[in-house]
Amino acid sequence: MKKYKHIITITILVILIYIINKYNIFNGFSPTDIKNYVVSFGVYAPLIYIMLFAIVPLTFFPDSILAIASGMIFGLAGGFVYTMIGALCGASLAYLLARYFGRTLLKNFFKNKMDIIDSRVKGNGFMIIFLLRLIPLFPFDVISYSAGLSDIKYKDFILATSIGTIPGIFVFTNIGDKSLEIGSNDFYVSLSLLVVLLVGSVFLRKKISFKHAK
């Protein structure tokens, strides 16, 4: 019975990936394109946006573009909440896919990227995920897949993701919100926060890499 469940799940995933690529979902989309598409669903816009974010692990579309679009659509508060929900759904999907479908298939797909977590996870899973989530320079979905292949418990993974993604989601959603006020002080403040986030990310990434090297 378990074998059939896996076959059904894989079939559904293959169909989803086929549809996503067949109809070029996400490909070449800008935040404005996404905004126009999501808004066209009216009252269902929040649900559609969350669903789009949730399937991002199947596409590897840049999460930041979706986050910026959310700020343009829902404003800072609404965009932050919907992006957080979508990000947690997407992260969970990637984690569970990796956990249930094993190392061989995904490691062949990602090649040498899985060692982002593998070599650091021993007894420190929560902190590793938390730190990596603070760094936008690390691919969001690769981290999620890697965590699923490691010994990290789901509760530690999802809690660290919830906390660690707050700065990035806030910054990118804020840029989307303030992009409607180009030239205003708030707009330049949003860009300044992005610079601070990226500079901090570079510093933190080097620090983590240095510790790993030692």
N, C-alpha and C. Protein backbone atom coordinates (compact mmCIF):
# COMPACT_ATOMS: atom_id res chain seq x y z
N MET A 1 0.83 -1.21 0.00
CA MET A 1 0.00 0.00 0.00
C MET A 1 0.87 1.26 0.00
N LYS A 2 1.93 1.21 0.82
CA LYS A 2 2.84 2.35 0.90
C LYS A 2 3.49 2.61 -0.45
N LYS A 3 3.82 1.53 -1.15
CA LYS A 3 4.45 1.64 -2.47
C LYS A 3 3.54 2.37 -3.43
N TYR A 4 2.23 2.05 -3.41
CA TYR A 4 1.27 2.69 -4.31
C TYR A 4 1.11 4.17 -3.98
N LYS A 5 1.16 4.51 -2.70
CA LYS A 5 1.05 5.91 -2.31
C LYS A 5 2.20 6.72 -2.90
N HIS A 6 3.40 6.14 -2.86
CA HIS A 6 4.57 6.82 -3.42
C HIS A 6 4.42 6.99 -4.93
N ILE A 7 3.91 5.96 -5.59
CA ILE A 7 3.73 6.03 -7.04
C ILE A 7 2.73 7.12 -7.40
N ILE A 8 1.62 7.17 -6.66
CA ILE A 8 0.59 8.20 -6.91
C ILE A 8 1.15 9.59 -6.68
N THR A 9 1.91 9.75 -5.58
CA THR A 9 2.50 11.06 -5.26
C THR A 9 3.47 11.51 -6.34
N ILE A 10 4.33 10.61 -6.77
CA ILE A 10 5.30 10.94 -7.82
C ILE A 10 4.59 11.31 -9.12
N THR A 11 3.52 10.58 -9.44
CA THR A 11 2.75 10.87 -10.66
C THR A 11 2.16 12.27 -10.61
N ILE A 12 1.59 12.64 -9.46
CA ILE A 12 1.01 13.97 -9.29
C ILE A 12 2.08 15.05 -9.44
N LEU A 13 3.26 14.82 -8.85
CA LEU A 13 4.34 15.79 -8.93
C LEU A 13 4.82 15.96 -10.37
N VAL A 14 4.94 14.85 -11.08
CA VAL A 14 5.37 14.91 -12.49
C VAL A 14 4.37 15.71 -13.31
N ILE A 15 3.09 15.50 -13.06
CA ILE A 15 2.04 16.23 -13.78
C ILE A 15 2.12 17.73 -13.47
N LEU A 16 2.33 18.06 -12.20
CA LEU A 16 2.44 19.47 -11.80
C LEU A 16 3.63 20.14 -12.47
N ILE A 17 4.78 19.46 -12.43
CA ILE A 17 5.99 20.02 -13.04
C ILE A 17 5.80 20.19 -14.55
N TYR A 18 5.12 19.22 -15.17
CA TYR A 18 4.85 19.30 -16.62
C TYR A 18 3.99 20.51 -16.94
N ILE A 19 2.93 20.70 -16.15
CA ILE A 19 2.02 21.84 -16.39
C ILE A 19 2.75 23.15 -16.20
N ILE A 20 3.56 23.23 -15.13
CA ILE A 20 4.31 24.45 -14.83
C ILE A 20 5.23 24.84 -15.98
N ASN A 21 5.91 23.83 -16.55
CA ASN A 21 6.82 24.09 -17.66
C ASN A 21 6.10 24.26 -18.99
N LYS A 22 5.02 23.50 -19.19
CA LYS A 22 4.26 23.56 -20.44
C LYS A 22 3.69 24.94 -20.66
N TYR A 23 3.15 25.54 -19.60
CA TYR A 23 2.50 26.84 -19.73
C TYR A 23 3.36 27.98 -19.23
N ASN A 24 4.66 27.69 -19.03
CA ASN A 24 5.64 28.73 -18.66
C ASN A 24 5.22 29.54 -17.43
N ILE A 25 4.65 28.83 -16.45
CA ILE A 25 4.28 29.51 -15.23
C ILE A 25 5.55 30.03 -14.55
N PHE A 26 5.53 31.29 -14.20
CA PHE A 26 6.65 32.00 -13.56
C PHE A 26 7.71 32.47 -14.54
N ASN A 27 7.96 31.75 -15.63
CA ASN A 27 9.09 32.07 -16.51
C ASN A 27 9.02 33.50 -17.04
N GLY A 28 10.05 34.28 -16.74
CA GLY A 28 10.13 35.64 -17.26
C GLY A 28 9.19 36.61 -16.58
N PHE A 29 8.55 36.21 -15.50
CA PHE A 29 7.60 37.08 -14.83
C PHE A 29 8.32 38.10 -13.95
N SER A 30 7.85 39.33 -13.99
CA SER A 30 8.35 40.37 -13.11
C SER A 30 7.35 40.53 -11.97
N PRO A 31 7.72 41.27 -10.90
CA PRO A 31 6.75 41.51 -9.82
C PRO A 31 5.44 42.13 -10.32
N THR A 32 5.55 43.01 -11.31
CA THR A 32 4.35 43.64 -11.86
C THR A 32 3.47 42.62 -12.58
N ASP A 33 4.08 41.71 -13.32
CA ASP A 33 3.32 40.66 -14.01
C ASP A 33 2.58 39.80 -12.99
N ILE A 34 3.28 39.44 -11.94
CA ILE A 34 2.66 38.61 -10.90
C ILE A 34 1.53 39.37 -10.22
N LYS A 35 1.76 40.64 -9.97
CA LYS A 35 0.72 41.47 -9.36
C LYS A 35 -0.55 41.46 -10.21
N ASN A 36 -0.40 41.71 -11.49
CA ASN A 36 -1.56 41.76 -12.38
C ASN A 36 -2.29 40.43 -12.44
N TYR A 37 -1.51 39.35 -12.43
CA TYR A 37 -2.11 38.02 -12.49
C TYR A 37 -2.88 37.71 -11.21
N VAL A 38 -2.27 37.95 -10.07
CA VAL A 38 -2.92 37.63 -8.78
C VAL A 38 -4.14 38.51 -8.55
N VAL A 39 -4.02 39.79 -8.84
CA VAL A 39 -5.14 40.72 -8.63
C VAL A 39 -6.36 40.34 -9.47
N SER A 40 -6.13 39.71 -10.61
CA SER A 40 -7.23 39.34 -11.50
C SER A 40 -8.18 38.33 -10.86
N PHE A 41 -7.76 37.69 -9.77
CA PHE A 41 -8.62 36.72 -9.09
C PHE A 41 -9.50 37.35 -8.02
N GLY A 42 -9.44 38.66 -7.90
CA GLY A 42 -10.34 39.37 -6.98
C GLY A 42 -10.17 38.93 -5.53
N VAL A 43 -11.29 38.52 -4.90
CA VAL A 43 -11.27 38.17 -3.48
C VAL A 43 -10.42 36.92 -3.22
N TYR A 44 -10.14 36.15 -4.26
CA TYR A 44 -9.34 34.94 -4.09
C TYR A 44 -7.84 35.21 -4.25
N ALA A 45 -7.48 36.47 -4.44
CA ALA A 45 -6.08 36.84 -4.67
C ALA A 45 -5.14 36.32 -3.57
N PRO A 46 -5.48 36.49 -2.29
CA PRO A 46 -4.57 35.99 -1.25
C PRO A 46 -4.33 34.48 -1.35
N LEU A 47 -5.40 33.72 -1.62
CA LEU A 47 -5.27 32.27 -1.73
C LEU A 47 -4.41 31.88 -2.93
N ILE A 48 -4.62 32.55 -4.05
CA ILE A 48 -3.84 32.27 -5.26
C ILE A 48 -2.37 32.59 -5.02
N TYR A 49 -2.11 33.72 -4.36
CA TYR A 49 -0.72 34.10 -4.08
C TYR A 49 -0.04 33.05 -3.20
N ILE A 50 -0.72 32.62 -2.15
CA ILE A 50 -0.14 31.61 -1.25
C ILE A 50 0.13 30.31 -2.00
N MET A 51 -0.79 29.92 -2.88
CA MET A 51 -0.60 28.70 -3.67
C MET A 51 0.60 28.82 -4.60
N LEU A 52 0.77 29.99 -5.22
CA LEU A 52 1.92 30.21 -6.09
C LEU A 52 3.22 30.08 -5.31
N PHE A 53 3.25 30.68 -4.12
CA PHE A 53 4.46 30.61 -3.31
C PHE A 53 4.72 29.18 -2.86
N ALA A 54 3.65 28.44 -2.58
CA ALA A 54 3.80 27.08 -2.08
C ALA A 54 4.40 26.13 -3.11
N ILE A 55 4.18 26.40 -4.41
CA ILE A 55 4.70 25.49 -5.44
C ILE A 55 6.05 25.95 -6.00
N VAL A 56 6.58 27.04 -5.46
CA VAL A 56 7.88 27.53 -5.92
C VAL A 56 8.99 26.47 -5.85
N PRO A 57 9.00 25.59 -4.82
CA PRO A 57 10.06 24.57 -4.79
C PRO A 57 10.08 23.67 -6.02
N LEU A 58 8.99 23.59 -6.75
CA LEU A 58 8.94 22.78 -7.96
C LEU A 58 9.46 23.55 -9.18
N THR A 59 9.69 24.84 -9.03
CA THR A 59 10.07 25.69 -10.16
C THR A 59 11.41 26.38 -9.96
N PHE A 60 11.81 26.60 -8.69
CA PHE A 60 13.02 27.35 -8.35
C PHE A 60 12.97 28.78 -8.87
N PHE A 61 11.74 29.31 -8.97
CA PHE A 61 11.56 30.73 -9.29
C PHE A 61 12.03 31.54 -8.08
N PRO A 62 12.69 32.69 -8.30
CA PRO A 62 13.20 33.49 -7.17
C PRO A 62 12.10 33.91 -6.21
N ASP A 63 12.22 33.50 -4.95
CA ASP A 63 11.21 33.84 -3.94
C ASP A 63 11.11 35.35 -3.73
N SER A 64 12.23 36.05 -3.90
CA SER A 64 12.24 37.49 -3.64
C SER A 64 11.30 38.24 -4.58
N ILE A 65 11.18 37.78 -5.82
CA ILE A 65 10.29 38.45 -6.78
C ILE A 65 8.84 38.31 -6.34
N LEU A 66 8.48 37.12 -5.87
CA LEU A 66 7.13 36.92 -5.36
C LEU A 66 6.88 37.78 -4.12
N ALA A 67 7.88 37.88 -3.25
CA ALA A 67 7.72 38.68 -2.04
C ALA A 67 7.54 40.15 -2.38
N ILE A 68 8.29 40.64 -3.35
CA ILE A 68 8.14 42.03 -3.78
C ILE A 68 6.73 42.25 -4.34
N ALA A 69 6.27 41.29 -5.13
CA ALA A 69 4.93 41.39 -5.71
C ALA A 69 3.87 41.44 -4.63
N SER A 70 4.08 40.69 -3.55
CA SER A 70 3.08 40.67 -2.47
C SER A 70 2.92 42.04 -1.84
N GLY A 71 4.04 42.77 -1.70
CA GLY A 71 3.97 44.12 -1.15
C GLY A 71 3.21 45.06 -2.07
N MET A 72 3.37 44.87 -3.37
CA MET A 72 2.66 45.69 -4.35
C MET A 72 1.16 45.41 -4.34
N ILE A 73 0.81 44.15 -4.05
CA ILE A 73 -0.59 43.74 -4.09
C ILE A 73 -1.32 44.02 -2.77
N PHE A 74 -0.72 43.57 -1.68
CA PHE A 74 -1.42 43.57 -0.40
C PHE A 74 -0.91 44.61 0.60
N GLY A 75 0.15 45.35 0.23
CA GLY A 75 0.74 46.27 1.19
C GLY A 75 1.71 45.54 2.10
N LEU A 76 2.36 46.26 2.98
CA LEU A 76 3.40 45.68 3.82
C LEU A 76 2.84 44.62 4.78
N ALA A 77 1.79 44.95 5.51
CA ALA A 77 1.26 44.02 6.51
C ALA A 77 0.67 42.77 5.87
N GLY A 78 -0.24 42.97 4.92
CA GLY A 78 -0.86 41.83 4.26
C GLY A 78 0.15 41.01 3.48
N GLY A 79 1.04 41.69 2.77
CA GLY A 79 2.06 40.99 1.99
C GLY A 79 2.97 40.16 2.87
N PHE A 80 3.32 40.70 4.02
CA PHE A 80 4.19 39.97 4.95
C PHE A 80 3.51 38.69 5.43
N VAL A 81 2.26 38.80 5.84
CA VAL A 81 1.52 37.65 6.37
C VAL A 81 1.35 36.57 5.30
N TYR A 82 0.91 36.96 4.10
CA TYR A 82 0.65 35.98 3.04
C TYR A 82 1.95 35.34 2.55
N THR A 83 3.02 36.14 2.51
CA THR A 83 4.30 35.59 2.09
C THR A 83 4.85 34.60 3.11
N MET A 84 4.67 34.93 4.38
CA MET A 84 5.12 34.03 5.44
C MET A 84 4.38 32.69 5.35
N ILE A 85 3.07 32.76 5.15
CA ILE A 85 2.28 31.52 5.03
C ILE A 85 2.74 30.72 3.81
N GLY A 86 2.88 31.41 2.66
CA GLY A 86 3.31 30.74 1.44
C GLY A 86 4.71 30.15 1.57
N ALA A 87 5.60 30.88 2.22
CA ALA A 87 6.97 30.42 2.39
C ALA A 87 7.02 29.16 3.26
N LEU A 88 6.23 29.14 4.31
CA LEU A 88 6.20 27.97 5.19
C LEU A 88 5.60 26.76 4.49
N CYS A 89 4.58 27.01 3.66
CA CYS A 89 3.99 25.91 2.89
C CYS A 89 5.00 25.36 1.88
N GLY A 90 5.69 26.25 1.17
CA GLY A 90 6.68 25.83 0.20
C GLY A 90 7.85 25.11 0.84
N ALA A 91 8.31 25.64 1.97
CA ALA A 91 9.42 25.02 2.69
C ALA A 91 9.03 23.62 3.16
N SER A 92 7.80 23.49 3.65
CA SER A 92 7.32 22.18 4.12
C SER A 92 7.24 21.19 2.97
N LEU A 93 6.77 21.67 1.82
CA LEU A 93 6.66 20.79 0.65
C LEU A 93 8.03 20.25 0.27
N ALA A 94 9.02 21.12 0.18
CA ALA A 94 10.37 20.70 -0.20
C ALA A 94 10.96 19.74 0.84
N TYR A 95 10.78 20.06 2.11
CA TYR A 95 11.29 19.22 3.20
C TYR A 95 10.69 17.82 3.13
N LEU A 96 9.37 17.74 2.96
CA LEU A 96 8.69 16.46 2.95
C LEU A 96 9.01 15.64 1.70
N LEU A 97 9.17 16.32 0.57
CA LEU A 97 9.55 15.61 -0.65
C LEU A 97 10.92 14.96 -0.47
N ALA A 98 11.83 15.71 0.11
CA ALA A 98 13.18 15.17 0.33
C ALA A 98 13.14 14.04 1.35
N ARG A 99 12.35 14.21 2.39
CA ARG A 99 12.29 13.21 3.45
C ARG A 99 11.70 11.88 2.96
N TYR A 100 10.68 11.98 2.10
CA TYR A 100 9.98 10.77 1.67
C TYR A 100 10.55 10.13 0.40
N PHE A 101 11.23 10.93 -0.42
CA PHE A 101 11.70 10.36 -1.68
C PHE A 101 13.20 10.16 -1.73
N GLY A 102 13.87 10.42 -0.60
CA GLY A 102 15.23 9.96 -0.44
C GLY A 102 16.34 10.76 -1.08
N ARG A 103 17.52 10.41 -0.63
CA ARG A 103 18.75 11.12 -1.00
C ARG A 103 19.19 10.91 -2.43
N THR A 104 19.07 9.71 -2.95
CA THR A 104 19.63 9.39 -4.26
C THR A 104 19.06 10.26 -5.37
N LEU A 105 17.73 10.31 -5.46
CA LEU A 105 17.08 11.07 -6.53
C LEU A 105 17.43 12.55 -6.46
N LEU A 106 17.26 13.16 -5.28
CA LEU A 106 17.47 14.60 -5.14
C LEU A 106 18.95 14.97 -5.17
N LYS A 107 19.81 14.13 -4.62
CA LYS A 107 21.23 14.47 -4.64
C LYS A 107 21.77 14.45 -6.06
N ASN A 108 21.28 13.55 -6.89
CA ASN A 108 21.69 13.54 -8.29
C ASN A 108 21.22 14.80 -8.99
N PHE A 109 20.06 15.29 -8.55
CA PHE A 109 19.49 16.50 -9.18
C PHE A 109 20.26 17.75 -8.76
N PHE A 110 20.57 17.83 -7.46
CA PHE A 110 21.24 19.03 -6.95
C PHE A 110 22.75 18.95 -6.98
N LYS A 111 23.27 17.74 -7.30
CA LYS A 111 24.71 17.51 -7.39
C LYS A 111 25.38 17.82 -6.06
N ASN A 112 26.25 18.83 -6.02
CA ASN A 112 27.06 19.05 -4.81
C ASN A 112 26.47 20.10 -3.87
N LYS A 113 25.22 20.47 -4.05
CA LYS A 113 24.67 21.55 -3.23
C LYS A 113 24.15 21.07 -1.89
N MET A 114 23.95 19.78 -1.73
CA MET A 114 23.35 19.27 -0.52
C MET A 114 24.25 19.39 0.71
N ASP A 115 25.54 19.61 0.51
CA ASP A 115 26.44 19.69 1.66
C ASP A 115 26.29 21.00 2.41
N ILE A 116 25.39 21.88 1.97
CA ILE A 116 25.13 23.13 2.69
C ILE A 116 24.77 22.82 4.14
N ILE A 117 24.00 21.77 4.35
CA ILE A 117 23.52 21.42 5.68
C ILE A 117 24.19 20.17 6.22
N ASP A 118 24.40 19.18 5.37
CA ASP A 118 24.86 17.86 5.81
C ASP A 118 26.05 17.92 6.75
N SER A 119 27.03 18.72 6.41
CA SER A 119 28.27 18.73 7.17
C SER A 119 28.19 19.60 8.43
N ARG A 120 27.08 20.28 8.65
CA ARG A 120 26.99 21.19 9.78
C ARG A 120 25.88 20.81 10.77
N VAL A 121 25.08 19.82 10.44
CA VAL A 121 23.83 19.60 11.15
C VAL A 121 23.99 18.87 12.48
N LYS A 122 25.07 18.22 12.72
CA LYS A 122 25.23 17.38 13.90
C LYS A 122 24.88 18.11 15.20
N GLY A 123 23.73 17.78 15.77
CA GLY A 123 23.32 18.32 17.05
C GLY A 123 23.02 19.80 17.06
N ASN A 124 22.94 20.43 15.90
CA ASN A 124 22.76 21.88 15.88
C ASN A 124 21.81 22.29 14.77
N GLY A 125 20.84 21.44 14.48
CA GLY A 125 19.96 21.65 13.34
C GLY A 125 19.19 22.95 13.35
N PHE A 126 18.56 23.28 14.49
CA PHE A 126 17.76 24.50 14.57
C PHE A 126 18.60 25.73 14.25
N MET A 127 19.75 25.85 14.88
CA MET A 127 20.58 27.04 14.70
C MET A 127 21.10 27.15 13.27
N ILE A 128 21.46 26.01 12.67
CA ILE A 128 21.97 26.03 11.30
C ILE A 128 20.89 26.54 10.34
N ILE A 129 19.68 26.00 10.45
CA ILE A 129 18.58 26.45 9.59
C ILE A 129 18.28 27.92 9.83
N PHE A 130 18.26 28.32 11.09
CA PHE A 130 17.98 29.72 11.44
C PHE A 130 18.99 30.66 10.78
N LEU A 131 20.27 30.33 10.89
CA LEU A 131 21.31 31.18 10.32
C LEU A 131 21.24 31.22 8.80
N LEU A 132 20.99 30.06 8.19
CA LEU A 132 20.91 30.01 6.73
C LEU A 132 19.70 30.78 6.21
N ARG A 133 18.61 30.78 6.96
CA ARG A 133 17.42 31.52 6.55
C ARG A 133 17.65 33.04 6.62
N LEU A 134 18.58 33.44 7.44
CA LEU A 134 18.90 34.87 7.55
C LEU A 134 19.70 35.36 6.35
N ILE A 135 20.18 34.41 5.53
CA ILE A 135 21.07 34.76 4.42
C ILE A 135 20.35 34.54 3.08
N PRO A 136 19.83 35.60 2.47
CA PRO A 136 19.14 35.45 1.18
C PRO A 136 20.03 34.89 0.07
N LEU A 137 21.36 34.98 0.26
CA LEU A 137 22.28 34.51 -0.76
C LEU A 137 22.27 32.98 -0.87
N PHE A 138 21.79 32.30 0.17
CA PHE A 138 21.63 30.85 0.09
C PHE A 138 20.25 30.56 -0.50
N PRO A 139 20.17 29.72 -1.55
CA PRO A 139 18.87 29.41 -2.18
C PRO A 139 17.88 28.84 -1.17
N PHE A 140 16.73 29.46 -1.05
CA PHE A 140 15.71 29.08 -0.07
C PHE A 140 15.30 27.62 -0.22
N ASP A 141 15.01 27.22 -1.46
CA ASP A 141 14.48 25.87 -1.68
C ASP A 141 15.55 24.79 -1.51
N VAL A 142 16.79 25.09 -1.88
CA VAL A 142 17.87 24.13 -1.70
C VAL A 142 18.06 23.84 -0.20
N ILE A 143 17.94 24.87 0.62
CA ILE A 143 18.05 24.68 2.07
C ILE A 143 16.94 23.76 2.56
N SER A 144 15.72 23.97 2.06
CA SER A 144 14.58 23.16 2.48
C SER A 144 14.76 21.70 2.08
N TYR A 145 15.18 21.48 0.84
CA TYR A 145 15.41 20.10 0.38
C TYR A 145 16.54 19.46 1.18
N SER A 146 17.59 20.22 1.43
CA SER A 146 18.73 19.69 2.17
C SER A 146 18.32 19.30 3.59
N ALA A 147 17.48 20.13 4.20
CA ALA A 147 17.03 19.84 5.57
C ALA A 147 16.23 18.54 5.60
N GLY A 148 15.43 18.30 4.57
CA GLY A 148 14.66 17.07 4.50
C GLY A 148 15.52 15.84 4.38
N LEU A 149 16.69 15.98 3.84
CA LEU A 149 17.61 14.86 3.68
C LEU A 149 18.51 14.66 4.89
N SER A 150 18.47 15.61 5.80
CA SER A 150 19.33 15.54 6.98
C SER A 150 18.57 14.94 8.16
N ASP A 151 19.18 15.02 9.35
CA ASP A 151 18.55 14.49 10.56
C ASP A 151 17.74 15.55 11.29
N ILE A 152 17.57 16.71 10.71
CA ILE A 152 16.83 17.78 11.37
C ILE A 152 15.36 17.41 11.50
N LYS A 153 14.81 17.57 12.69
CA LYS A 153 13.39 17.29 12.91
C LYS A 153 12.54 18.39 12.27
N TYR A 154 11.35 18.01 11.81
CA TYR A 154 10.49 18.97 11.13
C TYR A 154 10.15 20.16 12.02
N LYS A 155 9.87 19.90 13.30
CA LYS A 155 9.49 21.01 14.19
C LYS A 155 10.63 22.03 14.33
N ASP A 156 11.88 21.55 14.38
CA ASP A 156 13.02 22.46 14.45
C ASP A 156 13.18 23.21 13.13
N PHE A 157 13.00 22.49 12.03
CA PHE A 157 13.12 23.09 10.71
C PHE A 157 12.10 24.20 10.49
N ILE A 158 10.84 23.93 10.79
CA ILE A 158 9.79 24.90 10.50
C ILE A 158 9.85 26.09 11.46
N LEU A 159 10.25 25.84 12.71
CA LEU A 159 10.38 26.95 13.67
C LEU A 159 11.53 27.86 13.28
N ALA A 160 12.67 27.26 12.92
CA ALA A 160 13.83 28.05 12.50
C ALA A 160 13.52 28.82 11.23
N THR A 161 12.77 28.20 10.32
CA THR A 161 12.38 28.88 9.08
C THR A 161 11.45 30.05 9.38
N SER A 162 10.50 29.84 10.29
CA SER A 162 9.54 30.89 10.64
C SER A 162 10.23 32.13 11.18
N ILE A 163 11.23 31.92 12.04
CA ILE A 163 11.93 33.04 12.66
C ILE A 163 12.99 33.63 11.72
N GLY A 164 13.75 32.76 11.08
CA GLY A 164 14.87 33.21 10.26
C GLY A 164 14.48 33.95 9.01
N THR A 165 13.27 33.70 8.48
CA THR A 165 12.86 34.38 7.25
C THR A 165 12.22 35.74 7.49
N ILE A 166 11.97 36.09 8.74
CA ILE A 166 11.29 37.35 9.04
C ILE A 166 11.99 38.57 8.43
N PRO A 167 13.31 38.75 8.64
CA PRO A 167 13.97 39.94 8.08
C PRO A 167 13.87 40.01 6.56
N GLY A 168 14.14 38.89 5.88
CA GLY A 168 14.11 38.89 4.41
C GLY A 168 12.72 39.17 3.87
N ILE A 169 11.72 38.51 4.43
CA ILE A 169 10.34 38.72 3.97
C ILE A 169 9.93 40.17 4.20
N PHE A 170 10.28 40.71 5.36
CA PHE A 170 9.94 42.11 5.64
C PHE A 170 10.57 43.06 4.63
N VAL A 171 11.87 42.87 4.38
CA VAL A 171 12.60 43.77 3.49
C VAL A 171 12.04 43.73 2.07
N PHE A 172 11.85 42.53 1.52
CA PHE A 172 11.38 42.42 0.13
C PHE A 172 9.92 42.83 -0.02
N THR A 173 9.11 42.52 0.98
CA THR A 173 7.70 42.95 0.93
C THR A 173 7.62 44.46 1.04
N ASN A 174 8.46 45.03 1.88
CA ASN A 174 8.49 46.49 2.05
C ASN A 174 8.90 47.19 0.76
N ILE A 175 9.85 46.60 0.03
CA ILE A 175 10.26 47.18 -1.25
C ILE A 175 9.08 47.20 -2.22
N GLY A 176 8.32 46.10 -2.25
CA GLY A 176 7.16 46.05 -3.12
C GLY A 176 6.13 47.08 -2.75
N ASP A 177 5.90 47.22 -1.46
CA ASP A 177 4.93 48.20 -0.99
C ASP A 177 5.35 49.63 -1.33
N LYS A 178 6.64 49.92 -1.12
CA LYS A 178 7.13 51.28 -1.34
C LYS A 178 7.47 51.56 -2.81
N SER A 179 7.47 50.53 -3.64
CA SER A 179 7.76 50.73 -5.06
C SER A 179 6.67 51.56 -5.74
N LEU A 180 5.52 51.65 -5.09
CA LEU A 180 4.43 52.48 -5.61
C LEU A 180 4.64 53.94 -5.25
N GLU A 181 5.71 54.21 -4.48
CA GLU A 181 6.02 55.59 -4.06
C GLU A 181 7.46 55.94 -4.42
N ILE A 182 7.87 55.58 -5.63
CA ILE A 182 9.25 55.83 -6.05
C ILE A 182 9.59 57.31 -5.93
N GLY A 183 10.73 57.58 -5.30
CA GLY A 183 11.16 58.96 -5.10
C GLY A 183 10.87 59.47 -3.71
N SER A 184 10.02 58.78 -2.95
CA SER A 184 9.68 59.21 -1.59
C SER A 184 10.76 58.76 -0.62
N ASN A 185 10.74 59.36 0.58
CA ASN A 185 11.71 58.97 1.60
C ASN A 185 11.55 57.50 1.99
N ASP A 186 10.29 57.06 2.07
CA ASP A 186 10.03 55.66 2.43
C ASP A 186 10.63 54.70 1.41
N PHE A 187 10.59 55.08 0.16
CA PHE A 187 11.15 54.23 -0.89
C PHE A 187 12.65 54.07 -0.71
N TYR A 188 13.33 55.18 -0.44
CA TYR A 188 14.79 55.12 -0.26
C TYR A 188 15.16 54.38 1.03
N VAL A 189 14.31 54.48 2.05
CA VAL A 189 14.54 53.72 3.28
C VAL A 189 14.44 52.23 2.99
N SER A 190 13.47 51.84 2.15
CA SER A 190 13.30 50.41 1.81
C SER A 190 14.51 49.89 1.06
N LEU A 191 15.09 50.71 0.19
CA LEU A 191 16.30 50.30 -0.52
C LEU A 191 17.48 50.19 0.43
N SER A 192 17.54 51.11 1.39
CA SER A 192 18.62 51.08 2.38
C SER A 192 18.56 49.81 3.21
N LEU A 193 17.34 49.39 3.57
CA LEU A 193 17.16 48.17 4.34
C LEU A 193 17.61 46.95 3.52
N LEU A 194 17.37 46.99 2.20
CA LEU A 194 17.81 45.91 1.33
C LEU A 194 19.34 45.82 1.32
N VAL A 195 20.00 46.98 1.24
CA VAL A 195 21.46 47.01 1.24
C VAL A 195 22.00 46.44 2.56
N VAL A 196 21.38 46.85 3.67
CA VAL A 196 21.80 46.36 4.99
C VAL A 196 21.65 44.84 5.05
N LEU A 197 20.51 44.34 4.53
CA LEU A 197 20.26 42.89 4.54
C LEU A 197 21.31 42.14 3.72
N LEU A 198 21.62 42.65 2.54
CA LEU A 198 22.57 41.98 1.67
C LEU A 198 23.99 42.02 2.23
N VAL A 199 24.38 43.17 2.77
CA VAL A 199 25.71 43.30 3.37
C VAL A 199 25.84 42.36 4.57
N GLY A 200 24.79 42.37 5.41
CA GLY A 200 24.79 41.48 6.56
C GLY A 200 24.84 40.02 6.14
N SER A 201 24.16 39.70 5.03
CA SER A 201 24.15 38.33 4.52
C SER A 201 25.53 37.90 4.07
N VAL A 202 26.23 38.79 3.38
CA VAL A 202 27.59 38.48 2.91
C VAL A 202 28.50 38.22 4.10
N PHE A 203 28.39 39.07 5.11
CA PHE A 203 29.23 38.92 6.31
C PHE A 203 28.92 37.60 7.02
N LEU A 204 27.62 37.31 7.20
CA LEU A 204 27.23 36.10 7.91
C LEU A 204 27.61 34.85 7.13
N ARG A 205 27.49 34.92 5.81
CA ARG A 205 27.86 33.77 4.98
C ARG A 205 29.34 33.48 5.10
N LYS A 206 30.17 34.52 5.07
CA LYS A 206 31.61 34.32 5.21
C LYS A 206 31.97 33.76 6.58
N LYS A 207 31.24 34.23 7.60
CA LYS A 207 31.51 33.78 8.96
C LYS A 207 31.18 32.30 9.12
N ILE A 208 30.04 31.89 8.55
CA ILE A 208 29.65 30.49 8.62
C ILE A 208 30.64 29.62 7.85
N SER A 209 31.05 30.09 6.67
CA SER A 209 32.00 29.33 5.85
C SER A 209 33.35 29.21 6.57
N PHE A 210 33.76 30.28 7.26
CA PHE A 210 35.03 30.27 7.97
C PHE A 210 35.01 29.25 9.12
N LYS A 211 33.88 29.23 9.86
CA LYS A 211 33.76 28.29 10.96
C LYS A 211 33.78 26.86 10.46
N HIS A 212 33.12 26.67 9.32
CA HIS A 212 33.06 25.33 8.73
C HIS A 212 34.46 24.88 8.30
N ALA A 213 35.22 25.83 7.75
CA ALA A 213 36.58 25.51 7.29
C ALA A 213 37.47 25.12 8.46
N LYS A 214 37.26 25.77 9.61
CA LYS A 214 38.05 25.47 10.78
C LYS A 214 37.70 24.09 11.32
